[in-house]
């Protein structure tokens, strides 16, 4: 048992590390089954043809015997040997009749011609013993290809007078079938070789060559780092595979860039945090003095405002850079959206914006880090408020296959096509200096990926931007 288990494990290990080639699998899964199917169909067809032909031969010999019965009965009744022989000779006009004989009550030969005089004595004896004056019989002599038909002949009183024996030999047809079988086997082998050749050529030019080009491109991608893009040509599946690989390379490249920027951001935020706190504290101390004039006090207030703005940027950098694990709890996406809406309702940017809320009830609780997800939703709402300062913003949740979605869209000017591929990159923004940091969407993107979800820009019902967040109901464990 141990040896068998060891052999099975070794075979499994060999197959895993030495998988069969695609061409081998095509031959095994296409050429061989097609060849075997054609062979089975041909065998069954020939077998059916042989059975049908034998049945037809049996029917023919029965018809011939019945056509001779009355003339022979009449000749026997009138005792005309010449007429008996003439009737027997007429049987050969039907073709493939090899013998026609008449035997008396005791088995003696009365008349006949052709093959079969000395043969079938046992079968004649059985026929004489079993056939009555109104019956007839057909005998196929085992594996012998000769067919014999026995028919009784009667006198004027209806008594048994003799036995008609017709012999038919189907060698010609069987030889033809044998030739067909041999030729069919040879043709089947030729078809198998032709199919194998067609599959090999088709694989080489339609599949193998594009796959080799794709393989070379992937090797080049590895040599030239992630900035290289593979080129795929040929069947649609290979082209789609190339696009998928390029998308994967872009995501990996983006993830690496985000990680590098995150490390840099974390360092900058850490270095700026303490000096900003000191600067803000000193400004507060100076503002407590009573001998300051209005200009000095205004300058200190402006200094504190700028300090707070820098501190806000530092906080965003920290949020973008932090790699702390999620702290998920069971929470509804609609609840997180409600909390984010409440937080943003007091923002100055929301003052003249009409917010339309369509949050479904009864959406399933999912495991999310509520604080970080609310922050991501707040960033999207803030972008929407800034894009449509006097317009409409819609936020809605919905159930989807294996997850829930949240959409935020506005009726602002939208995002240009040339910017759509850059919007999730850190520090990318089209807002005026001092208005945005370019980290809001990057933070939202990182948060959704950390949850096993996604965020994407889609076409909404409004002319502006529409962002869709999707979160899985059962996120994969990491």
Protein backbone atom coordinates (compact mmCIF):
# COMPACT_ATOMS: atom_id res chain seq x y z
CA UNK A 1 0.00 0.00 0.00
CA UNK A 2 2.82 2.38 0.88
CA UNK A 3 4.55 1.65 -2.42
CA UNK A 4 1.32 2.34 -4.34
CA UNK A 5 0.79 5.61 -2.45
CA UNK A 6 4.39 6.62 -3.12
CA UNK A 7 4.03 5.82 -6.82
CA UNK A 8 0.78 7.83 -6.98
CA UNK A 9 2.41 10.82 -5.29
CA UNK A 10 5.41 10.58 -7.61
CA UNK A 11 3.15 10.46 -10.68
CA UNK A 12 1.13 13.45 -9.43
CA UNK A 13 4.35 15.37 -8.75
CA UNK A 14 5.64 14.50 -12.24
CA UNK A 15 2.40 15.67 -13.92
CA UNK A 16 2.37 18.91 -11.92
CA UNK A 17 5.94 19.74 -12.84
CA UNK A 18 5.79 18.31 -16.37
CA UNK A 19 2.35 19.25 -17.71
CA UNK A 20 1.50 17.98 -21.19
CA UNK A 21 1.91 20.31 -24.13
CA UNK A 22 -1.16 21.94 -25.65
CA UNK A 23 -0.56 20.08 -28.94
CA UNK A 24 -0.50 16.74 -27.11
CA UNK A 25 -3.74 17.61 -25.34
CA UNK A 26 -5.37 18.61 -28.64
CA UNK A 27 -4.40 15.32 -30.26
CA UNK A 28 -5.55 13.35 -27.21
CA UNK A 29 -8.81 15.24 -26.80
CA UNK A 30 -9.72 15.88 -30.47
CA UNK A 31 -7.92 13.65 -32.98
CA UNK A 32 -8.15 10.36 -31.08
CA UNK A 33 -11.84 10.74 -30.07
CA UNK A 34 -12.80 11.79 -33.61
CA UNK A 35 -10.89 8.86 -35.13
CA UNK A 36 -12.43 6.35 -32.72
CA UNK A 37 -15.89 7.80 -33.35
CA UNK A 38 -15.45 7.50 -37.12
CA UNK A 39 -14.18 3.93 -36.71
CA UNK A 40 -17.15 2.97 -34.54
CA UNK A 41 -19.60 4.60 -36.95
CA UNK A 42 -17.99 2.80 -39.91
CA UNK A 43 -18.02 -0.57 -38.11
CA UNK A 44 -21.66 -0.23 -37.13
CA UNK A 45 -22.55 0.93 -40.65
CA UNK A 46 -20.88 -2.05 -42.32
CA UNK A 47 -22.41 -4.44 -39.80
CA UNK A 48 -25.86 -2.98 -40.48
CA UNK A 49 -25.28 -3.19 -44.23
CA UNK A 50 -24.26 -6.84 -43.94
CA UNK A 51 -27.32 -7.73 -41.87
CA UNK A 52 -29.60 -5.90 -44.25
CA UNK A 53 -28.03 -7.63 -47.27
CA UNK A 54 -28.32 -11.07 -45.71
CA UNK A 55 -31.95 -10.38 -44.91
CA UNK A 56 -32.52 -9.26 -48.48
CA UNK A 57 -30.81 -12.40 -49.81
CA UNK A 58 -33.02 -14.53 -47.63
CA UNK A 59 -36.12 -12.76 -48.90
CA UNK A 60 -34.92 -13.12 -52.50
CA UNK A 61 -34.34 -16.84 -52.23
CA UNK A 62 -37.75 -17.30 -50.61
CA UNK A 63 -39.40 -15.41 -53.49
CA UNK A 64 -37.53 -17.50 -56.06
CA UNK A 65 -38.56 -20.71 -54.29
CA UNK A 66 -42.22 -19.69 -54.19
CA UNK A 67 -42.14 -18.72 -57.87
CA UNK A 68 -40.86 -22.23 -58.74
CA UNK A 69 -43.20 -24.10 -56.40
CA UNK A 70 -46.30 -24.29 -58.64
CA UNK A 71 -44.49 -25.23 -61.89
CA UNK A 72 -42.56 -27.93 -60.04
CA UNK A 73 -45.68 -29.24 -58.28
CA UNK A 74 -47.42 -29.40 -61.65
CA UNK A 75 -44.47 -31.19 -63.25
CA UNK A 76 -44.33 -33.74 -60.40
CA UNK A 77 -48.07 -34.36 -60.55
CA UNK A 78 -47.92 -34.95 -64.33
CA UNK A 79 -44.63 -36.84 -64.06
CA UNK A 80 -42.76 -34.67 -66.57
CA UNK A 81 -38.99 -34.91 -65.81
CA UNK A 82 -38.14 -32.50 -68.63
CA UNK A 83 -40.43 -29.82 -67.19
CA UNK A 84 -38.92 -30.35 -63.73
CA UNK A 85 -35.39 -29.83 -65.09
CA UNK A 86 -36.49 -26.85 -67.15
CA UNK A 87 -38.06 -25.21 -64.10
CA UNK A 88 -34.94 -25.81 -62.07
CA UNK A 89 -32.76 -24.32 -64.79
CA UNK A 90 -34.95 -21.19 -64.83
CA UNK A 91 -33.93 -20.51 -61.20
CA UNK A 92 -30.46 -19.56 -62.37
CA UNK A 93 -31.89 -16.63 -64.34
CA UNK A 94 -32.47 -14.78 -61.05
CA UNK A 95 -28.75 -14.46 -60.37
CA UNK A 96 -26.53 -15.73 -57.54
CA UNK A 97 -28.35 -19.08 -57.43
CA UNK A 98 -25.58 -21.68 -57.19
CA UNK A 99 -27.68 -24.81 -57.01
CA UNK A 100 -31.25 -26.02 -57.55
CA UNK A 101 -32.18 -29.65 -56.67
CA UNK A 102 -35.22 -31.78 -55.98
CA UNK A 103 -35.11 -34.76 -53.60
CA UNK A 104 -37.69 -37.48 -53.13
CA UNK A 105 -39.41 -38.65 -49.96
CA UNK A 106 -36.42 -40.79 -49.07
CA UNK A 107 -33.83 -38.15 -49.86
CA UNK A 108 -32.88 -39.47 -53.28
CA UNK A 109 -31.93 -36.92 -55.93
CA UNK A 110 -34.68 -36.59 -58.53
CA UNK A 111 -33.32 -33.68 -60.57
CA UNK A 112 -31.00 -30.77 -60.23
CA UNK A 113 -28.06 -28.74 -61.41
CA UNK A 114 -25.37 -26.55 -59.92
CA UNK A 115 -23.66 -26.80 -56.53
CA UNK A 116 -25.09 -28.50 -53.50
CA UNK A 117 -25.68 -32.09 -54.62
CA UNK A 118 -23.38 -33.74 -52.15
CA UNK A 119 -23.57 -31.15 -49.40
CA UNK A 120 -26.18 -30.44 -46.75
CA UNK A 121 -27.32 -34.06 -46.41
CA UNK A 122 -27.80 -33.53 -42.67
CA UNK A 123 -29.81 -30.38 -43.25
CA UNK A 124 -31.96 -32.17 -45.88
CA UNK A 125 -32.64 -34.95 -43.45
CA UNK A 126 -33.77 -32.44 -40.86
CA UNK A 127 -35.93 -30.69 -43.44
CA UNK A 128 -37.55 -33.97 -44.56
CA UNK A 129 -38.24 -34.87 -40.96
CA UNK A 130 -39.65 -31.53 -39.84
CA UNK A 131 -41.33 -29.90 -42.87
CA UNK A 132 -44.91 -30.72 -43.66
CA UNK A 133 -46.65 -30.28 -47.02
CA UNK A 134 -47.47 -26.60 -46.31
CA UNK A 135 -44.26 -25.44 -44.62
CA UNK A 136 -40.91 -24.22 -45.80
CA UNK A 137 -37.61 -23.41 -44.14
CA UNK A 138 -34.40 -21.45 -44.36
CA UNK A 139 -31.00 -22.65 -43.18
CA UNK A 140 -27.85 -20.59 -42.68
CA UNK A 141 -25.11 -23.11 -42.06
CA UNK A 142 -23.37 -21.58 -39.05
CA UNK A 143 -20.24 -19.71 -40.05
CA UNK A 144 -20.48 -21.14 -43.58
CA UNK A 145 -21.46 -18.29 -45.92
CA UNK A 146 -23.82 -20.58 -47.93
CA UNK A 147 -27.55 -20.12 -47.47
CA UNK A 148 -29.98 -22.94 -48.26
CA UNK A 149 -33.74 -22.73 -48.62
CA UNK A 150 -35.92 -25.86 -48.41
CA UNK A 151 -39.48 -25.98 -49.74
CA UNK A 152 -41.74 -29.09 -49.83
CA UNK A 153 -43.41 -30.15 -53.07
CA UNK A 154 -46.80 -31.90 -53.07
CA UNK A 155 -48.82 -34.30 -55.20
CA UNK A 156 -52.32 -33.68 -56.58
CA UNK A 157 -53.75 -34.96 -53.30
CA UNK A 158 -51.63 -32.54 -51.29
CA UNK A 159 -49.27 -35.22 -50.01
CA UNK A 160 -45.57 -34.67 -49.60
CA UNK A 161 -43.87 -35.60 -52.87
CA UNK A 162 -40.38 -34.13 -52.65
CA UNK A 163 -38.12 -31.35 -51.39
CA UNK A 164 -36.87 -28.34 -53.36
CA UNK A 165 -33.41 -27.13 -52.32
CA UNK A 166 -32.09 -23.76 -53.51
CA UNK A 167 -28.51 -22.85 -52.69
CA UNK A 168 -27.18 -19.34 -52.69
CA UNK A 169 -23.56 -18.32 -52.03
CA UNK A 170 -22.93 -14.73 -50.92
CA UNK A 171 -19.14 -14.86 -51.26
CA UNK A 172 -19.12 -11.98 -53.73
CA UNK A 173 -20.90 -9.66 -51.34
CA UNK A 174 -18.83 -10.81 -48.39
CA UNK A 175 -15.67 -10.23 -50.39
CA UNK A 176 -16.93 -6.74 -51.14
CA UNK A 177 -17.58 -6.12 -47.43
CA UNK A 178 -14.13 -7.45 -46.56
CA UNK A 179 -12.63 -5.08 -49.12
CA UNK A 180 -14.67 -2.22 -47.67
CA UNK A 181 -13.47 -3.07 -44.16
CA UNK A 182 -9.84 -3.19 -45.24
CA UNK A 183 -10.15 -0.01 -47.28
CA UNK A 184 -12.08 1.67 -44.47
CA UNK A 185 -9.39 0.79 -41.93
CA UNK A 186 -6.72 2.21 -44.21
CA UNK A 187 -8.78 5.33 -44.85
CA UNK A 188 -9.43 5.71 -41.14
CA UNK A 189 -5.71 5.60 -40.45
CA UNK A 190 -5.17 8.18 -43.19
CA UNK A 191 -7.91 10.39 -41.76
CA UNK A 192 -6.31 10.12 -38.31
CA UNK A 193 -2.94 11.17 -39.72
CA UNK A 194 -4.56 13.98 -41.72
CA UNK A 195 -6.43 15.23 -38.65
CA UNK A 196 -3.24 15.09 -36.60
CA UNK A 197 -1.43 17.06 -39.32
CA UNK A 198 -4.24 19.63 -39.52
CA UNK A 199 -4.26 20.03 -35.73
CA UNK A 200 -0.49 20.37 -35.65
CA UNK A 201 -0.47 23.02 -38.40
CA UNK A 202 -3.47 24.80 -36.91
CA UNK A 203 -1.85 24.78 -33.49
CA UNK A 204 1.41 26.04 -34.88
CA UNK A 205 0.05 28.99 -36.84
CA UNK A 206 -3.19 29.86 -35.01
CA UNK A 207 -2.23 29.11 -31.39
CA UNK A 208 1.42 28.18 -31.00
CA UNK A 209 2.90 31.20 -32.78
CA UNK A 210 0.76 33.78 -30.92
CA UNK A 211 1.49 32.04 -27.61
CA UNK A 212 5.23 32.06 -28.34
CA UNK A 213 5.05 35.79 -29.14
CA UNK A 214 3.13 36.33 -25.92
CA UNK A 215 5.70 34.31 -24.00
CA UNK A 216 8.56 36.38 -25.46
CA UNK A 217 6.69 39.57 -24.58
CA UNK A 218 6.19 38.38 -21.00
CA UNK A 219 9.89 37.55 -20.73
CA UNK A 220 10.67 41.04 -22.01
CA UNK A 221 8.25 42.45 -19.43
CA UNK A 222 10.24 40.66 -16.75
CA UNK A 223 13.54 41.93 -18.16
CA UNK A 224 12.33 45.53 -18.59
CA UNK A 225 10.50 45.67 -15.27
CA UNK A 226 6.82 46.46 -15.03
CA UNK A 227 6.81 49.42 -17.41
CA UNK A 228 6.93 47.08 -20.40
CA UNK A 229 3.66 46.03 -22.00
CA UNK A 230 3.12 42.68 -23.72
CA UNK A 231 1.83 42.51 -27.28
CA UNK A 232 -0.68 39.81 -28.15
CA UNK A 233 -2.01 38.93 -31.57
CA UNK A 234 -3.95 36.04 -33.04
CA UNK A 235 -7.20 34.60 -31.67
CA UNK A 236 -9.43 36.81 -29.56
CA UNK A 237 -8.72 34.75 -26.42
CA UNK A 238 -4.97 35.41 -26.69
CA UNK A 239 -5.57 39.11 -27.36
CA UNK A 240 -7.83 39.28 -24.30
CA UNK A 241 -5.20 37.41 -22.30
CA UNK A 242 -2.62 40.00 -23.36
CA UNK A 243 -4.91 42.81 -22.26
CA UNK A 244 -5.47 41.07 -18.94
CA UNK A 245 -1.71 40.67 -18.41
CA UNK A 246 -1.15 44.34 -19.25
CA UNK A 247 -3.87 45.34 -16.80
CA UNK A 248 -2.24 43.18 -14.15
CA UNK A 249 1.16 44.76 -14.87
CA UNK A 250 -0.37 48.23 -14.63
CA UNK A 251 -2.00 47.37 -11.30
CA UNK A 252 1.22 45.91 -9.93
CA UNK A 253 3.13 48.94 -11.15
CA UNK A 254 0.54 51.23 -9.61
CA UNK A 255 0.66 49.32 -6.34
CA UNK A 256 4.43 49.61 -6.22
CA UNK A 257 4.26 53.31 -6.94
CA UNK A 258 1.62 53.75 -4.28
CA UNK A 259 3.73 51.82 -1.80
CA UNK A 260 6.81 53.92 -2.63
CA UNK A 261 4.86 57.16 -2.40
CA UNK A 262 3.27 55.93 0.81
CA UNK A 263 6.65 55.33 2.42
CA UNK A 264 7.81 58.76 1.32
CA UNK A 265 4.59 60.35 2.55
CA UNK A 266 4.86 58.64 5.91
CA UNK A 267 8.38 59.97 6.33
CA UNK A 268 7.41 63.51 5.35
CA UNK A 269 4.34 63.48 7.59
CA UNK A 270 6.35 62.21 10.53
CA UNK A 271 9.00 64.89 10.06
CA UNK A 272 6.47 67.71 9.66
CA UNK A 273 4.16 66.73 12.50
CA UNK A 274 6.26 67.97 15.42
CA UNK A 275 7.43 71.28 13.85
CA UNK A 276 3.86 72.14 12.91
CA UNK A 277 2.67 71.47 16.45
CA UNK A 278 5.42 73.72 17.82
CA UNK A 279 4.63 76.44 15.28
CA UNK A 280 0.93 76.38 16.08
CA UNK A 281 1.66 76.43 19.83
CA UNK A 282 3.94 79.44 19.51
CA UNK A 283 1.32 81.28 17.47
CA UNK A 284 -1.28 80.61 20.18
CA UNK A 285 1.06 81.95 22.85
CA UNK A 286 1.65 85.15 20.89
CA UNK A 287 -2.09 85.62 20.37
CA UNK A 288 -2.55 85.70 24.18
CA UNK A 289 -0.50 88.87 24.42
CA UNK A 290 -2.49 92.05 24.94
CA UNK A 291 -0.07 94.45 23.29
CA UNK A 292 -0.61 93.17 19.73
CA UNK A 293 -2.09 95.50 17.15
CA UNK A 294 -4.70 94.37 14.61
CA UNK A 295 -2.18 93.77 11.85
CA UNK A 296 -0.02 91.53 14.06
CA UNK A 297 -3.04 89.62 15.36
CA UNK A 298 -4.33 89.12 11.79
CA UNK A 299 -0.93 87.83 10.70
CA UNK A 300 -0.84 85.34 13.57
CA UNK A 301 -4.37 84.13 12.76
CA UNK A 302 -3.35 83.65 9.13
CA UNK A 303 -0.28 81.77 10.32
CA UNK A 304 -2.45 79.44 12.39
CA UNK A 305 -4.85 78.91 9.48
CA UNK A 306 -2.01 77.94 7.18
CA UNK A 307 -0.60 75.73 9.90
CA UNK A 308 -3.94 73.95 10.20
CA UNK A 309 -4.07 73.55 6.43
CA UNK A 310 -0.61 71.97 6.44
CA UNK A 311 -1.66 69.78 9.36
CA UNK A 312 -4.68 68.64 7.36
CA UNK A 313 -2.40 67.74 4.47
CA UNK A 314 -0.16 65.85 6.90
CA UNK A 315 -3.17 63.94 8.19
CA UNK A 316 -4.12 63.00 4.64
CA UNK A 317 -0.57 61.88 4.00
CA UNK A 318 -0.72 59.73 7.10
CA UNK A 319 -4.06 58.30 6.04
CA UNK A 320 -2.67 57.53 2.61
CA UNK A 321 0.56 56.04 3.89
CA UNK A 322 -0.64 54.09 6.86
CA UNK A 323 -0.36 50.34 6.43
CA UNK A 324 -2.13 49.43 9.64
CA UNK A 325 -4.35 46.35 9.32
CA UNK A 326 -8.06 46.85 9.04
CA UNK A 327 -10.21 46.67 12.14
CA UNK A 328 -13.38 45.27 10.58
CA UNK A 329 -16.72 44.99 12.32
CA UNK A 330 -20.14 43.97 11.04
CA UNK A 331 -21.72 47.09 9.63
CA UNK A 332 -24.09 48.02 6.83
CA UNK A 333 -22.73 50.05 3.94
CA UNK A 334 -25.79 52.28 4.16
CA UNK A 335 -24.91 53.04 7.81
CA UNK A 336 -21.35 54.06 6.87
CA UNK A 337 -22.79 56.26 4.11
CA UNK A 338 -25.22 57.91 6.55
CA UNK A 339 -22.39 58.72 8.94
CA UNK A 340 -20.30 60.19 6.12
CA UNK A 341 -23.27 62.30 4.92
CA UNK A 342 -23.80 63.62 8.44
CA UNK A 343 -20.12 64.58 8.73
CA UNK A 344 -20.05 66.32 5.35
CA UNK A 345 -23.37 68.15 5.81
CA UNK A 346 -21.55 70.78 7.90
CA UNK A 347 -18.73 71.27 5.39
CA UNK A 348 -18.62 74.73 3.74
CA UNK A 349 -18.52 73.07 0.29
CA UNK A 350 -21.98 71.53 0.93
CA UNK A 351 -23.67 74.87 1.56
CA UNK A 352 -25.32 75.38 -1.87
CA UNK A 353 -25.38 71.75 -3.02
CA UNK A 354 -28.58 69.67 -3.14
CA UNK A 355 -27.79 66.17 -1.91
CA UNK A 356 -30.13 63.38 -3.06
CA UNK A 357 -29.90 60.26 -0.92
CA UNK A 358 -31.18 56.83 -2.04
CA UNK A 359 -29.90 54.33 0.50
CA UNK A 360 -31.58 50.92 0.43
CA UNK A 361 -32.95 49.42 3.61
CA UNK A 362 -32.04 45.96 4.73
CA UNK A 363 -28.69 45.72 2.94
CA UNK A 364 -26.66 42.88 4.43
CA UNK A 365 -24.14 43.67 7.16
CA UNK A 366 -20.57 43.24 5.94
CA UNK A 367 -17.19 43.26 7.63
CA UNK A 368 -15.67 46.71 7.13
CA UNK A 369 -13.47 49.18 8.94
CA UNK A 370 -16.17 51.79 9.42
CA UNK A 371 -13.86 54.73 10.20
CA UNK A 372 -11.64 54.26 7.15
CA UNK A 373 -14.56 53.56 4.81
CA UNK A 374 -16.42 56.67 6.05
CA UNK A 375 -13.28 58.70 5.38
CA UNK A 376 -13.18 57.36 1.80
CA UNK A 377 -16.86 58.25 1.27
CA UNK A 378 -16.25 61.73 2.74
CA UNK A 379 -13.43 62.29 0.24
CA UNK A 380 -15.73 61.34 -2.65
CA UNK A 381 -18.54 63.57 -1.36
CA UNK A 382 -16.13 66.47 -0.96
CA UNK A 383 -14.94 66.05 -4.56
CA UNK A 384 -18.57 65.96 -5.74
CA UNK A 385 -19.46 69.12 -3.76
CA UNK A 386 -16.46 70.94 -5.19
CA UNK A 387 -17.27 69.78 -8.74
CA UNK A 388 -20.90 70.99 -8.51
CA UNK A 389 -20.86 73.98 -6.09
CA UNK A 390 -24.42 75.01 -7.01
CA UNK A 391 -25.72 71.72 -8.42
CA UNK A 392 -26.89 68.26 -7.45
CA UNK A 393 -25.10 65.32 -5.92
CA UNK A 394 -26.60 61.82 -5.76
CA UNK A 395 -25.56 59.06 -3.38
CA UNK A 396 -27.18 55.62 -3.58
CA UNK A 397 -26.56 52.07 -2.41
CA UNK A 398 -27.68 48.84 -4.04
CA UNK A 399 -27.33 45.09 -3.75
CA UNK A 400 -25.26 43.29 -6.37
CA UNK A 401 -24.04 39.80 -7.01
CA UNK A 402 -21.93 38.73 -4.03
CA UNK A 403 -21.71 42.28 -2.72
CA UNK A 404 -23.13 45.77 -2.27
CA UNK A 405 -22.39 48.99 -4.15
CA UNK A 406 -22.41 52.70 -3.42
CA UNK A 407 -22.57 55.34 -6.13
CA UNK A 408 -21.72 59.01 -5.83
CA UNK A 409 -22.31 61.23 -8.86
CA UNK A 410 -22.62 64.92 -9.58
CA UNK A 411 -23.80 67.17 -12.39
CA UNK A 412 -20.51 69.01 -12.66
CA UNK A 413 -18.25 69.21 -15.72
CA UNK A 414 -17.01 65.62 -15.35
CA UNK A 415 -13.50 64.25 -15.82
CA UNK A 416 -11.71 64.46 -19.15
CA UNK A 417 -10.66 61.25 -20.88
CA UNK A 418 -6.98 62.07 -20.63
CA UNK A 419 -7.30 62.42 -16.84
CA UNK A 420 -9.39 59.31 -16.18
CA UNK A 421 -6.37 57.01 -16.00
CA UNK A 422 -4.58 59.29 -13.52
CA UNK A 423 -7.32 60.14 -11.02
CA UNK A 424 -6.34 57.42 -8.54
CA UNK A 425 -2.66 58.38 -8.60
CA UNK A 426 -1.47 60.19 -5.45
CA UNK A 427 -1.07 63.99 -5.66
CA UNK A 428 -2.85 64.20 -9.02
CA UNK A 429 -5.40 67.02 -9.05
CA UNK A 430 -6.85 69.60 -11.42
CA UNK A 431 -8.06 71.80 -8.57
CA UNK A 432 -6.50 75.21 -7.98
CA UNK A 433 -3.51 75.46 -5.68
CA UNK A 434 -4.61 75.47 -2.06
CA UNK A 435 -7.92 73.71 -2.77
CA UNK A 436 -6.93 70.05 -3.11
CA UNK A 437 -4.02 67.79 -2.28
CA UNK A 438 -4.66 65.04 -4.82
CA UNK A 439 -4.86 62.39 -2.11
CA UNK A 440 -8.62 61.93 -1.67
CA UNK A 441 -9.16 59.43 -4.48
CA UNK A 442 -5.85 57.70 -3.79
CA UNK A 443 -6.90 57.16 -0.16
CA UNK A 444 -10.31 55.88 -1.27
CA UNK A 445 -8.68 53.55 -3.79
CA UNK A 446 -6.34 52.09 -1.16
CA UNK A 447 -9.17 51.69 1.36
CA UNK A 448 -11.38 49.79 -1.08
CA UNK A 449 -8.54 47.50 -2.14
CA UNK A 450 -7.72 46.79 1.50
CA UNK A 451 -11.33 45.65 1.95
CA UNK A 452 -11.15 43.34 -1.08
CA UNK A 453 -13.43 45.67 -3.04
CA UNK A 454 -12.95 48.15 -5.84
CA UNK A 455 -13.68 51.69 -6.88
CA UNK A 456 -14.11 52.76 -10.48
CA UNK A 457 -15.25 55.67 -12.58
CA UNK A 458 -18.37 54.77 -14.58
CA UNK A 459 -20.95 56.46 -16.78
CA UNK A 460 -23.77 57.72 -14.57
CA UNK A 461 -27.14 59.31 -15.21
CA UNK A 462 -25.74 62.83 -14.66
CA UNK A 463 -23.25 64.61 -16.91
CA UNK A 464 -20.60 64.81 -14.20
CA UNK A 465 -18.40 62.18 -12.58
CA UNK A 466 -19.86 58.97 -11.18
CA UNK A 467 -17.84 56.78 -8.83
CA UNK A 468 -19.00 53.27 -7.90
CA UNK A 469 -17.72 51.47 -4.81
CA UNK A 470 -18.20 47.71 -4.59
CA UNK A 471 -17.63 45.68 -1.44
CA UNK A 472 -17.93 41.88 -1.27
CA UNK A 473 -20.47 40.34 1.07
CA UNK A 474 -17.96 37.66 2.05
CA UNK A 475 -14.48 39.10 1.62
CA UNK A 476 -11.63 36.68 1.12
CA UNK A 477 -9.41 36.20 4.12
CA UNK A 478 -5.96 37.68 3.80
